[in-house]
């Protein structure tokens, strides 16, 4: 036993003194007590929140889970939602208390302020309307469930928001690209299908697409809401969404996200809106398109837009002309079927093969290259598909003096092209070849009956009619409406190429014949 100052000090196990052991025991006890208090406090805090969640959406779509501040254009009327959702599998009774403070008043409230949630995921939704002044306001929502409380306070202040329509245009394609060939602000209507009507099958006609672009001083989501009205102010049966045929409301409603930077403190966004016909036929005439731009949940538009829209019926007179031309082409098939002479058949085959090789192959390459010109691509491929095409036919007619052989070359070219390159739309392809057969046969017959030197005029007129029928057939089948100036320019331009090609071909044939003689 050690001695200090003559007094003996007792030792604990392994050399620890009894005093040190007492200090360690006291420290461990204190730590255990502190841990117990922390656990108890955590459990009490966790149990202080009700087993339900509370979400405030102001405006709808913008969710708030806790106290926050936001800015809205004031004054204005705003809709808000309160969503209460259960997070437990047990029955939970809840009660909501709602209060609006500041320069605003609660005008409407729809939904249960108290009730019972049946289990996990069960929810209750309340809808409200606040009429706010320019001074800002505070919305306080307090939820009580199982003697526990949760609250959310939203502080709403005024913000200067500049937003409006930067452009509205129709018709466009489904990607929003304009087609200069189409008449601006013109929708195409057609009579309902007699077969579908006989079978009792309803259908909604897609009139076209509209492109709406919005600019704003702040990024965000905006609601585009509008209608189309007739001359008497009645809503026309035009809608942006259709669930089932014969159903739906005549509204144009779409959301546009404005988040692309267009400049300093300016953002923009665009959306393509389909326009459906909710009725079998919308009477042709002039209508008024009106659009409003809203913040979601706001009753006051930030901007408005209005423009006249023309609804046209597809020209049935053009279709009658096309059918008459195709019927004439069908009649040409009768004398073609009687051709037995091997020499005439050889000329038809040779000219048809030349047309296929030079026009379809070379013309196809030029067609792809000229697509950069958009609707004016025919200016590049026209000299081949029209000028060279009719030039070869003119050479065939001058060499054989037989309009049946010349028309037969058109049929051979179509057959070879269909076998090698595929006919594409077989209905359109068949109608086109019958139209070309008829105009080539008539022009060739007229030139042989009068004077071959007039063939450039005859073939030029033939190609004008051929192009006019072709573009109207295409428009009718695909429900397009081309501007009058474009139809005229296309038809006259292709006719000019055909006339020029025919003139050059006749000079070459006559020059070759003179040189040989």
Protein backbone atom coordinates (compact mmCIF):
# COMPACT_ATOMS: atom_id res chain seq x y z
CA UNK A 1 0.00 0.00 0.00
CA UNK A 2 1.44 3.35 -1.01
CA UNK A 3 1.67 6.15 1.36
CA UNK A 4 1.31 9.91 0.79
CA UNK A 5 2.02 12.12 3.73
CA UNK A 6 1.76 9.12 6.00
CA UNK A 7 -1.90 8.37 4.96
CA UNK A 8 -2.89 5.24 3.11
CA UNK A 9 -4.96 5.76 -0.18
CA UNK A 10 -7.07 2.78 -1.20
CA UNK A 11 -6.71 1.55 -4.83
CA UNK A 12 -9.34 0.18 -7.13
CA UNK A 13 -8.91 -2.66 -9.53
CA UNK A 14 -5.95 -2.40 -11.87
CA UNK A 15 -4.64 0.64 -10.13
CA UNK A 16 -7.74 2.98 -10.51
CA UNK A 17 -8.71 4.84 -7.41
CA UNK A 18 -12.26 4.69 -6.05
CA UNK A 19 -12.71 8.44 -6.73
CA UNK A 20 -12.00 8.06 -10.45
CA UNK A 21 -14.46 5.20 -10.73
CA UNK A 22 -17.17 7.34 -9.18
CA UNK A 23 -16.49 10.15 -11.70
CA UNK A 24 -16.71 7.79 -14.71
CA UNK A 25 -19.97 6.30 -13.44
CA UNK A 26 -21.47 9.76 -12.97
CA UNK A 27 -20.44 10.81 -16.51
CA UNK A 28 -21.98 7.70 -18.12
CA UNK A 29 -25.21 8.24 -16.20
CA UNK A 30 -25.38 11.85 -17.40
CA UNK A 31 -24.84 10.81 -21.04
CA UNK A 32 -27.53 8.16 -20.77
CA UNK A 33 -29.97 10.66 -19.31
CA UNK A 34 -29.20 13.21 -22.05
CA UNK A 35 -29.70 10.61 -24.78
CA UNK A 36 -33.02 9.61 -23.26
CA UNK A 37 -34.14 13.24 -23.24
CA UNK A 38 -33.10 13.72 -26.88
CA UNK A 39 -34.94 10.60 -28.00
CA UNK A 40 -38.02 11.65 -26.07
CA UNK A 41 -37.87 15.15 -27.54
CA UNK A 42 -37.47 13.77 -31.09
CA UNK A 43 -40.37 11.40 -30.61
CA UNK A 44 -42.51 14.19 -29.24
CA UNK A 45 -41.54 16.47 -32.13
CA UNK A 46 -42.27 13.81 -34.71
CA UNK A 47 -45.59 13.11 -33.11
CA UNK A 48 -46.42 16.83 -33.17
CA UNK A 49 -47.21 16.75 -36.91
CA UNK A 50 -50.51 15.29 -38.06
CA UNK A 51 -50.37 12.09 -40.12
CA UNK A 52 -51.66 13.98 -43.16
CA UNK A 53 -49.94 16.29 -45.68
CA UNK A 54 -51.10 19.75 -46.71
CA UNK A 55 -50.30 21.34 -50.06
CA UNK A 56 -51.43 24.75 -51.30
CA UNK A 57 -51.42 25.40 -55.05
CA UNK A 58 -51.48 29.11 -55.87
CA UNK A 59 -51.84 29.45 -58.79
CA UNK A 60 -52.90 25.86 -59.68
CA UNK A 61 -49.84 23.86 -60.68
CA UNK A 62 -47.46 25.80 -58.42
CA UNK A 63 -47.24 23.74 -55.22
CA UNK A 64 -46.31 25.11 -51.80
CA UNK A 65 -45.47 22.70 -48.94
CA UNK A 66 -44.30 25.27 -46.39
CA UNK A 67 -44.30 28.98 -45.65
CA UNK A 68 -43.15 30.90 -48.68
CA UNK A 69 -43.33 34.17 -50.56
CA UNK A 70 -44.39 34.62 -54.16
CA UNK A 71 -45.19 37.40 -56.59
CA UNK A 72 -48.22 37.70 -58.84
CA UNK A 73 -49.57 40.49 -61.05
CA UNK A 74 -51.97 42.46 -58.84
CA UNK A 75 -54.78 43.38 -58.70
CA UNK A 76 -56.46 40.24 -59.95
CA UNK A 77 -58.64 37.23 -59.26
CA UNK A 78 -56.84 33.97 -58.53
CA UNK A 79 -58.00 30.41 -58.03
CA UNK A 80 -56.16 28.26 -55.49
CA UNK A 81 -56.32 24.62 -54.38
CA UNK A 82 -55.84 23.06 -50.96
CA UNK A 83 -54.97 19.38 -51.04
CA UNK A 84 -55.10 17.26 -47.88
CA UNK A 85 -53.72 13.72 -48.21
CA UNK A 86 -53.46 10.91 -45.68
CA UNK A 87 -50.07 9.39 -44.87
CA UNK A 88 -51.37 6.60 -42.69
CA UNK A 89 -53.46 3.51 -43.11
CA UNK A 90 -55.81 4.46 -40.27
CA UNK A 91 -58.89 6.65 -40.38
CA UNK A 92 -57.97 10.28 -39.79
CA UNK A 93 -60.38 13.08 -39.03
CA UNK A 94 -59.16 16.49 -40.19
CA UNK A 95 -60.30 20.10 -40.00
CA UNK A 96 -59.14 23.03 -42.12
CA UNK A 97 -59.10 26.68 -41.22
CA UNK A 98 -58.48 29.24 -43.96
CA UNK A 99 -57.79 32.95 -43.58
CA UNK A 100 -56.89 35.74 -46.00
CA UNK A 101 -55.22 38.86 -44.67
CA UNK A 102 -54.24 42.09 -46.38
CA UNK A 103 -55.60 43.72 -49.52
CA UNK A 104 -57.68 40.73 -50.62
CA UNK A 105 -60.87 38.85 -49.85
CA UNK A 106 -61.94 35.23 -50.12
CA UNK A 107 -64.80 35.26 -52.61
CA UNK A 108 -65.56 31.58 -53.12
CA UNK A 109 -64.66 28.31 -51.47
CA UNK A 110 -65.78 24.88 -52.61
CA UNK A 111 -64.97 21.64 -50.87
CA UNK A 112 -65.05 20.04 -47.39
CA UNK A 113 -63.39 22.04 -44.63
CA UNK A 114 -63.55 18.98 -42.40
CA UNK A 115 -64.01 15.28 -42.88
CA UNK A 116 -62.48 11.83 -42.57
CA UNK A 117 -59.70 10.35 -44.73
CA UNK A 118 -60.21 6.61 -45.15
CA UNK A 119 -56.63 5.44 -45.53
CA UNK A 120 -53.23 5.94 -47.09
CA UNK A 121 -53.39 8.15 -50.20
CA UNK A 122 -56.97 9.28 -49.63
CA UNK A 123 -57.27 12.99 -50.27
CA UNK A 124 -59.62 15.94 -50.10
CA UNK A 125 -59.38 18.97 -52.41
CA UNK A 126 -60.73 22.45 -51.82
CA UNK A 127 -61.09 25.12 -54.50
CA UNK A 128 -61.09 28.80 -53.67
CA UNK A 129 -61.15 32.19 -55.38
CA UNK A 130 -59.33 35.24 -54.03
CA UNK A 131 -60.08 38.75 -55.22
CA UNK A 132 -56.84 40.63 -54.58
CA UNK A 133 -56.01 44.30 -54.69
CA UNK A 134 -52.67 45.84 -55.56
CA UNK A 135 -51.39 45.93 -51.96
CA UNK A 136 -50.63 42.22 -51.60
CA UNK A 137 -52.08 39.68 -49.22
CA UNK A 138 -51.35 36.66 -47.06
CA UNK A 139 -53.10 33.31 -47.33
CA UNK A 140 -52.94 31.17 -44.19
CA UNK A 141 -54.10 27.54 -44.23
CA UNK A 142 -54.17 25.64 -40.92
CA UNK A 143 -54.75 21.88 -40.71
CA UNK A 144 -55.77 20.03 -37.55
CA UNK A 145 -55.79 16.25 -37.28
CA UNK A 146 -55.55 14.01 -34.19
CA UNK A 147 -54.94 17.03 -31.92
CA UNK A 148 -51.97 18.09 -34.02
CA UNK A 149 -51.59 21.16 -36.22
CA UNK A 150 -49.81 22.04 -39.42
CA UNK A 151 -50.01 25.43 -41.15
CA UNK A 152 -48.78 27.08 -44.36
CA UNK A 153 -48.61 30.85 -44.85
CA UNK A 154 -48.19 32.32 -48.35
CA UNK A 155 -47.10 35.95 -48.62
CA UNK A 156 -48.17 37.29 -52.03
CA UNK A 157 -46.75 40.55 -53.33
CA UNK A 158 -47.27 42.48 -56.55
CA UNK A 159 -44.97 42.04 -59.53
CA UNK A 160 -44.97 43.82 -62.86
CA UNK A 161 -45.38 41.08 -65.46
CA UNK A 162 -45.35 41.95 -69.15
CA UNK A 163 -46.64 39.12 -71.28
CA UNK A 164 -48.43 38.87 -74.61
CA UNK A 165 -48.77 37.07 -77.93
CA UNK A 166 -45.73 37.53 -80.13
CA UNK A 167 -47.32 35.72 -83.09
CA UNK A 168 -50.34 33.62 -83.97
CA UNK A 169 -50.52 31.91 -87.35
CA UNK A 170 -52.49 29.25 -89.13
CA UNK A 171 -52.36 26.95 -90.94
CA UNK A 172 -49.05 25.27 -90.14
CA UNK A 173 -47.96 21.64 -90.17
CA UNK A 174 -47.77 19.52 -87.03
CA UNK A 175 -44.25 20.84 -86.41
CA UNK A 176 -45.41 24.44 -86.60
CA UNK A 177 -43.81 25.20 -89.99
CA UNK A 178 -45.59 27.60 -92.30
CA UNK A 179 -46.33 26.66 -95.89
CA UNK A 180 -46.35 29.73 -98.19
CA UNK A 181 -48.54 27.80 -100.63
CA UNK A 182 -51.40 27.75 -98.12
CA UNK A 183 -53.81 30.63 -97.82
CA UNK A 184 -53.07 32.42 -94.48
CA UNK A 185 -55.73 32.09 -91.78
CA UNK A 186 -57.74 29.68 -93.91
CA UNK A 187 -59.14 26.39 -92.68
CA UNK A 188 -60.41 23.74 -95.06
CA UNK A 189 -63.71 21.96 -94.53
CA UNK A 190 -65.12 19.12 -96.58
CA UNK A 191 -68.44 17.37 -96.75
CA UNK A 192 -68.73 14.28 -94.54
CA UNK A 193 -67.97 10.96 -96.15
CA UNK A 194 -71.23 9.48 -97.55
CA UNK A 195 -69.97 5.98 -96.77
CA UNK A 196 -69.20 6.83 -93.14
CA UNK A 197 -72.53 8.57 -92.81
CA UNK A 198 -74.31 5.53 -94.26
CA UNK A 199 -72.52 3.25 -91.81
CA UNK A 200 -73.23 5.59 -88.92
CA UNK A 201 -69.54 6.11 -88.15
CA UNK A 202 -68.82 9.49 -86.60
CA UNK A 203 -65.65 11.37 -87.39
CA UNK A 204 -63.89 14.51 -86.27
CA UNK A 205 -62.14 16.39 -89.04
CA UNK A 206 -58.74 17.92 -88.34
CA UNK A 207 -59.10 21.35 -89.88
CA UNK A 208 -55.45 22.22 -89.42
CA UNK A 209 -52.83 23.36 -86.92
CA UNK A 210 -52.25 26.77 -85.35
CA UNK A 211 -48.94 28.04 -83.98
CA UNK A 212 -49.11 30.33 -80.94
CA UNK A 213 -46.02 32.10 -79.62
CA UNK A 214 -45.87 34.01 -76.34
CA UNK A 215 -43.31 36.43 -74.92
CA UNK A 216 -42.96 37.38 -71.27
CA UNK A 217 -40.72 39.32 -68.94
CA UNK A 218 -40.63 36.27 -66.63
CA UNK A 219 -40.33 32.54 -67.33
CA UNK A 220 -43.28 30.36 -66.47
CA UNK A 221 -46.32 28.49 -67.76
CA UNK A 222 -49.26 30.30 -69.30
CA UNK A 223 -52.73 29.23 -70.35
CA UNK A 224 -54.00 29.99 -73.85
CA UNK A 225 -57.78 29.96 -73.89
CA UNK A 226 -60.06 30.98 -76.75
CA UNK A 227 -62.86 30.30 -79.18
CA UNK A 228 -63.92 30.75 -82.77
CA UNK A 229 -67.13 32.76 -83.30
CA UNK A 230 -69.40 33.09 -86.31
CA UNK A 231 -70.77 36.37 -87.66
CA UNK A 232 -73.59 36.31 -85.08
CA UNK A 233 -71.22 35.85 -82.13
CA UNK A 234 -72.04 32.20 -81.58
CA UNK A 235 -69.19 29.78 -80.79
CA UNK A 236 -68.29 27.68 -83.81
CA UNK A 237 -67.74 23.94 -83.20
CA UNK A 238 -63.94 24.16 -83.20
CA UNK A 239 -61.85 22.68 -80.39
CA UNK A 240 -58.20 21.97 -79.65
CA UNK A 241 -58.81 18.57 -78.05
CA UNK A 242 -61.28 15.84 -78.92
CA UNK A 243 -61.78 12.75 -76.77
CA UNK A 244 -64.42 10.90 -78.76
CA UNK A 245 -66.19 11.72 -82.04
CA UNK A 246 -69.20 13.91 -81.49
CA UNK A 247 -68.06 14.93 -77.99
CA UNK A 248 -66.17 17.85 -76.62
CA UNK A 249 -66.69 21.58 -76.05
CA UNK A 250 -65.90 24.30 -78.57
CA UNK A 251 -62.87 25.60 -76.70
CA UNK A 252 -59.27 26.16 -77.64
CA UNK A 253 -57.25 25.42 -74.52
CA UNK A 254 -53.50 24.76 -74.32
CA UNK A 255 -50.59 25.40 -71.98
CA UNK A 256 -47.46 27.08 -73.28
CA UNK A 257 -44.15 27.06 -71.40
CA UNK A 258 -42.18 30.29 -71.72
CA UNK A 259 -38.58 29.63 -70.74
CA UNK A 260 -36.35 30.29 -73.77
CA UNK A 261 -34.33 33.48 -73.52
CA UNK A 262 -35.21 35.90 -76.30
CA UNK A 263 -33.19 38.84 -75.01
CA UNK A 264 -32.50 40.80 -71.89
CA UNK A 265 -35.34 40.23 -69.43
CA UNK A 266 -37.46 38.60 -72.12
CA UNK A 267 -38.51 35.00 -72.58
CA UNK A 268 -40.52 33.26 -75.24
CA UNK A 269 -42.20 29.95 -76.00
CA UNK A 270 -44.41 28.46 -78.72
CA UNK A 271 -46.99 25.70 -79.01
CA UNK A 272 -48.70 23.99 -81.95
CA UNK A 273 -52.45 23.64 -81.38
CA UNK A 274 -54.61 21.23 -83.43
CA UNK A 275 -57.98 22.57 -84.51
CA UNK A 276 -60.72 19.95 -84.73
CA UNK A 277 -64.20 20.21 -86.14
CA UNK A 278 -66.80 19.01 -83.63
CA UNK A 279 -69.61 19.06 -86.22
CA UNK A 280 -70.04 17.16 -89.44
CA UNK A 281 -69.82 20.36 -91.46
CA UNK A 282 -68.80 23.86 -90.43
CA UNK A 283 -70.53 26.22 -92.88
CA UNK A 284 -68.02 28.07 -95.05
CA UNK A 285 -67.57 31.74 -94.31
CA UNK A 286 -65.72 34.28 -92.21
CA UNK A 287 -65.21 33.61 -88.50
CA UNK A 288 -63.45 35.39 -85.66
CA UNK A 289 -60.66 33.75 -83.68
CA UNK A 290 -60.20 35.16 -80.17
CA UNK A 291 -57.50 34.10 -77.72
CA UNK A 292 -56.69 35.12 -74.18
CA UNK A 293 -53.39 34.66 -72.33
CA UNK A 294 -53.74 33.82 -68.64
CA UNK A 295 -51.69 32.86 -65.67
CA UNK A 296 -53.12 29.51 -64.56
CA UNK A 297 -55.87 30.18 -62.06
CA UNK A 298 -56.24 33.84 -62.99
CA UNK A 299 -59.59 35.15 -64.17
CA UNK A 300 -58.14 38.21 -65.89
CA UNK A 301 -56.22 37.82 -69.20
CA UNK A 302 -52.75 39.26 -69.45
CA UNK A 303 -53.24 39.82 -73.17
CA UNK A 304 -55.81 39.14 -75.89
CA UNK A 305 -55.58 38.35 -79.60
CA UNK A 306 -58.20 38.43 -82.34
CA UNK A 307 -58.09 37.69 -86.07
CA UNK A 308 -60.47 36.72 -88.85
CA UNK A 309 -60.41 33.11 -90.02
CA UNK A 310 -61.85 31.87 -93.31
CA UNK A 311 -63.46 28.44 -93.51
CA UNK A 312 -63.62 27.16 -97.09
CA UNK A 313 -65.07 24.11 -98.70
CA UNK A 314 -62.81 22.18 -101.02
CA UNK A 315 -63.58 23.14 -104.58
CA UNK A 316 -65.75 20.40 -105.98
CA UNK A 317 -65.58 22.09 -109.38
CA UNK A 318 -61.87 21.34 -109.48
CA UNK A 319 -62.55 17.72 -108.60
CA UNK A 320 -65.14 17.48 -111.40
CA UNK A 321 -62.50 18.80 -113.80
CA UNK A 322 -60.03 16.25 -112.50
CA UNK A 323 -62.49 13.39 -112.82
CA UNK A 324 -63.36 14.45 -116.35
CA UNK A 325 -59.68 14.46 -117.29
CA UNK A 326 -59.07 11.06 -115.72
CA UNK A 327 -62.14 9.64 -117.45
CA UNK A 328 -60.76 10.86 -120.79
CA UNK A 329 -57.47 9.18 -119.93
CA UNK A 330 -59.35 5.95 -119.22
CA UNK A 331 -60.91 6.17 -122.69
CA UNK A 332 -57.41 6.46 -124.21
CA UNK A 333 -56.65 3.01 -122.80
CA UNK A 334 -59.06 1.49 -125.33
CA UNK A 335 -57.03 2.34 -128.49
CA UNK A 336 -53.82 1.56 -126.58
CA UNK A 337 -55.07 -1.96 -125.94
CA UNK A 338 -55.49 -2.47 -129.70
CA UNK A 339 -51.86 -1.69 -130.57
CA UNK A 340 -50.37 -4.87 -132.07
CA UNK A 341 -47.71 -3.49 -134.40
CA UNK A 342 -44.26 -4.34 -133.06
CA UNK A 343 -42.81 -1.08 -134.44
CA UNK A 344 -45.35 1.02 -132.55
CA UNK A 345 -44.82 -1.04 -129.42
CA UNK A 346 -41.05 -0.55 -129.74
CA UNK A 347 -41.46 3.23 -129.98
CA UNK A 348 -43.72 3.24 -126.93
CA UNK A 349 -41.27 1.13 -124.95
CA UNK A 350 -38.21 3.13 -126.01
CA UNK A 351 -39.80 6.52 -125.27
CA UNK A 352 -41.30 5.26 -122.00
CA UNK A 353 -37.95 3.89 -120.85
CA UNK A 354 -36.25 7.18 -121.75
CA UNK A 355 -38.86 9.10 -119.78
CA UNK A 356 -38.29 6.84 -116.78
CA UNK A 357 -34.50 7.11 -116.89
CA UNK A 358 -34.18 10.82 -117.60
CA UNK A 359 -37.20 12.22 -115.81
CA UNK A 360 -37.68 9.93 -112.81
CA UNK A 361 -34.04 9.30 -111.94
CA UNK A 362 -32.49 12.66 -112.84
CA UNK A 363 -35.67 14.49 -111.92
CA UNK A 364 -35.76 12.66 -108.57
CA UNK A 365 -32.23 13.84 -107.78
CA UNK A 366 -33.12 17.42 -108.69
CA UNK A 367 -36.27 17.13 -106.62
CA UNK A 368 -34.26 16.30 -103.50
CA UNK A 369 -31.71 19.03 -104.18
CA UNK A 370 -34.39 21.64 -104.82
CA UNK A 371 -36.20 21.02 -101.54
CA UNK A 372 -34.19 23.85 -100.00
CA UNK A 373 -36.45 26.17 -102.02
CA UNK A 374 -39.53 24.86 -100.22
CA UNK A 375 -42.72 25.46 -102.19
CA UNK A 376 -40.78 26.84 -105.14
CA UNK A 377 -38.79 23.66 -105.74
CA UNK A 378 -40.61 23.18 -109.05
CA UNK A 379 -38.53 26.03 -110.52
CA UNK A 380 -35.49 23.72 -110.35
CA UNK A 381 -36.93 20.31 -111.20
CA UNK A 382 -39.53 21.67 -113.67
CA UNK A 383 -37.15 21.89 -116.65
CA UNK A 384 -36.57 18.13 -116.37
CA UNK A 385 -39.92 16.76 -115.21
CA UNK A 386 -41.89 19.05 -117.50
CA UNK A 387 -39.55 20.43 -120.18
CA UNK A 388 -37.61 17.24 -120.88
CA UNK A 389 -40.71 15.09 -120.36
CA UNK A 390 -42.78 16.83 -123.01
CA UNK A 391 -39.73 17.30 -125.23
CA UNK A 392 -39.31 13.51 -125.43
CA UNK A 393 -43.01 13.10 -126.12
CA UNK A 394 -42.79 15.73 -128.86
CA UNK A 395 -39.85 13.86 -130.45
CA UNK A 396 -41.86 10.63 -130.32
CA UNK A 397 -44.88 12.27 -131.95
CA UNK A 398 -42.74 13.88 -134.66
CA UNK A 399 -40.97 10.59 -135.39
CA UNK A 400 -44.04 8.35 -135.49
CA UNK A 401 -46.87 10.72 -136.40
CA UNK A 402 -49.05 8.63 -134.05
CA UNK A 403 -50.74 10.18 -131.01
CA UNK A 404 -51.65 6.73 -129.64
CA UNK A 405 -47.98 5.74 -129.47
CA UNK A 406 -47.12 9.04 -127.77
CA UNK A 407 -49.83 8.52 -125.15
CA UNK A 408 -48.73 4.90 -124.75
CA UNK A 409 -45.22 6.10 -123.83
CA UNK A 410 -46.76 7.88 -120.81
CA UNK A 411 -48.38 4.64 -119.69
CA UNK A 412 -45.11 2.69 -120.13
CA UNK A 413 -43.23 5.30 -118.11
CA UNK A 414 -45.77 5.03 -115.29
CA UNK A 415 -45.61 1.23 -115.27
CA UNK A 416 -41.80 1.20 -115.21
CA UNK A 417 -41.65 3.88 -112.51
CA UNK A 418 -44.16 1.98 -110.38
CA UNK A 419 -42.19 -1.25 -110.68
CA UNK A 420 -38.78 0.34 -110.06
CA UNK A 421 -39.51 3.25 -107.74
CA UNK A 422 -42.91 2.33 -106.25
CA UNK A 423 -46.05 4.33 -107.13
CA UNK A 424 -46.43 5.84 -103.65
CA UNK A 425 -50.07 6.71 -103.14
CA UNK A 426 -51.62 4.33 -105.67
CA UNK A 427 -54.87 6.32 -105.90
CA UNK A 428 -53.12 9.62 -106.62
CA UNK A 429 -50.63 7.94 -108.92
CA UNK A 430 -53.38 6.31 -110.99
CA UNK A 431 -55.35 9.54 -111.28
CA UNK A 432 -52.25 11.47 -112.29
CA UNK A 433 -51.28 9.07 -115.06
CA UNK A 434 -54.83 9.04 -116.46
CA UNK A 435 -54.83 12.84 -116.45
CA UNK A 436 -51.50 12.99 -118.28
CA UNK A 437 -52.70 10.35 -120.75
CA UNK A 438 -55.76 12.41 -121.61
CA UNK A 439 -54.00 15.77 -122.10
CA UNK A 440 -51.11 14.26 -124.09
CA UNK A 441 -53.51 12.32 -126.32
CA UNK A 442 -55.72 15.34 -126.96
CA UNK A 443 -52.79 17.68 -127.61
CA UNK A 444 -51.07 15.18 -129.92
CA UNK A 445 -54.28 14.51 -131.84
CA UNK A 446 -54.92 18.25 -132.25
CA UNK A 447 -51.38 18.89 -133.54
CA UNK A 448 -51.63 16.09 -136.12
CA UNK A 449 -55.03 17.34 -137.25
CA UNK A 450 -53.85 20.95 -137.61
CA UNK A 451 -50.11 21.56 -137.82
CA UNK A 452 -47.22 19.97 -135.96
CA UNK A 453 -45.63 23.39 -135.50
CA UNK A 454 -48.43 24.27 -133.07
CA UNK A 455 -47.45 21.39 -130.77
CA UNK A 456 -45.52 23.66 -128.31
CA UNK A 457 -48.75 25.59 -127.75
CA UNK A 458 -50.84 22.45 -127.41
CA UNK A 459 -48.39 20.76 -125.07
CA UNK A 460 -48.02 23.96 -123.03
CA UNK A 461 -51.79 24.15 -122.56
CA UNK A 462 -51.88 20.43 -121.84
CA UNK A 463 -49.30 20.75 -119.08
CA UNK A 464 -51.11 23.73 -117.55
CA UNK A 465 -54.27 21.64 -117.28
CA UNK A 466 -52.29 18.60 -116.11
CA UNK A 467 -50.56 20.59 -113.34
CA UNK A 468 -53.81 22.27 -112.31
CA UNK A 469 -55.59 18.94 -111.97
CA UNK A 470 -52.63 17.33 -110.18
CA UNK A 471 -52.34 19.96 -107.48
CA UNK A 472 -56.10 20.01 -106.86
CA UNK A 473 -56.24 16.23 -106.61
CA UNK A 474 -53.40 16.37 -104.10
CA UNK A 475 -55.15 19.12 -102.13
CA UNK A 476 -58.46 17.28 -102.12
CA UNK A 477 -57.05 13.95 -100.92
CA UNK A 478 -54.80 15.50 -98.26
CA UNK A 479 -57.29 18.24 -97.31
CA UNK A 480 -55.11 21.21 -98.18
CA UNK A 481 -56.02 24.60 -99.54
CA UNK A 482 -53.48 26.27 -101.77
CA UNK A 483 -53.48 29.99 -102.43
CA UNK A 484 -54.80 31.00 -105.86
CA UNK A 485 -51.57 32.74 -106.79
CA UNK A 486 -49.55 29.59 -106.07
CA UNK A 487 -51.83 27.32 -108.12
CA UNK A 488 -51.64 29.79 -111.01
CA UNK A 489 -47.85 30.23 -110.76
CA UNK A 490 -47.23 26.49 -110.53
CA UNK A 491 -49.53 25.60 -113.44
CA UNK A 492 -48.30 28.39 -115.75
CA UNK A 493 -44.66 27.75 -114.85
CA UNK A 494 -44.83 24.04 -115.61
CA UNK A 495 -46.75 24.80 -118.82
CA UNK A 496 -44.01 27.20 -119.89
CA UNK A 497 -41.34 24.54 -119.33
CA UNK A 498 -43.37 22.02 -121.35
CA UNK A 499 -43.84 24.47 -124.22
CA UNK A 500 -40.15 25.40 -124.24
CA UNK A 501 -39.02 21.76 -124.13
CA UNK A 502 -41.41 20.85 -126.96
CA UNK A 503 -40.15 23.72 -129.12
CA UNK A 504 -36.50 22.74 -128.65
CA UNK A 505 -37.25 19.07 -129.32
CA UNK A 506 -39.07 19.85 -132.58
CA UNK A 507 -36.17 22.01 -133.76
CA UNK A 508 -33.71 19.22 -132.98
CA UNK A 509 -35.84 16.63 -134.82
CA UNK A 510 -36.28 18.87 -137.85
CA UNK A 511 -32.61 19.80 -137.86
CA UNK A 512 -31.61 16.16 -137.70
CA UNK A 513 -34.06 15.30 -140.48
CA UNK A 514 -32.76 18.16 -142.63
CA UNK A 515 -29.16 17.16 -142.06
CA UNK A 516 -29.90 13.56 -142.91
CA UNK A 517 -31.78 14.53 -146.03
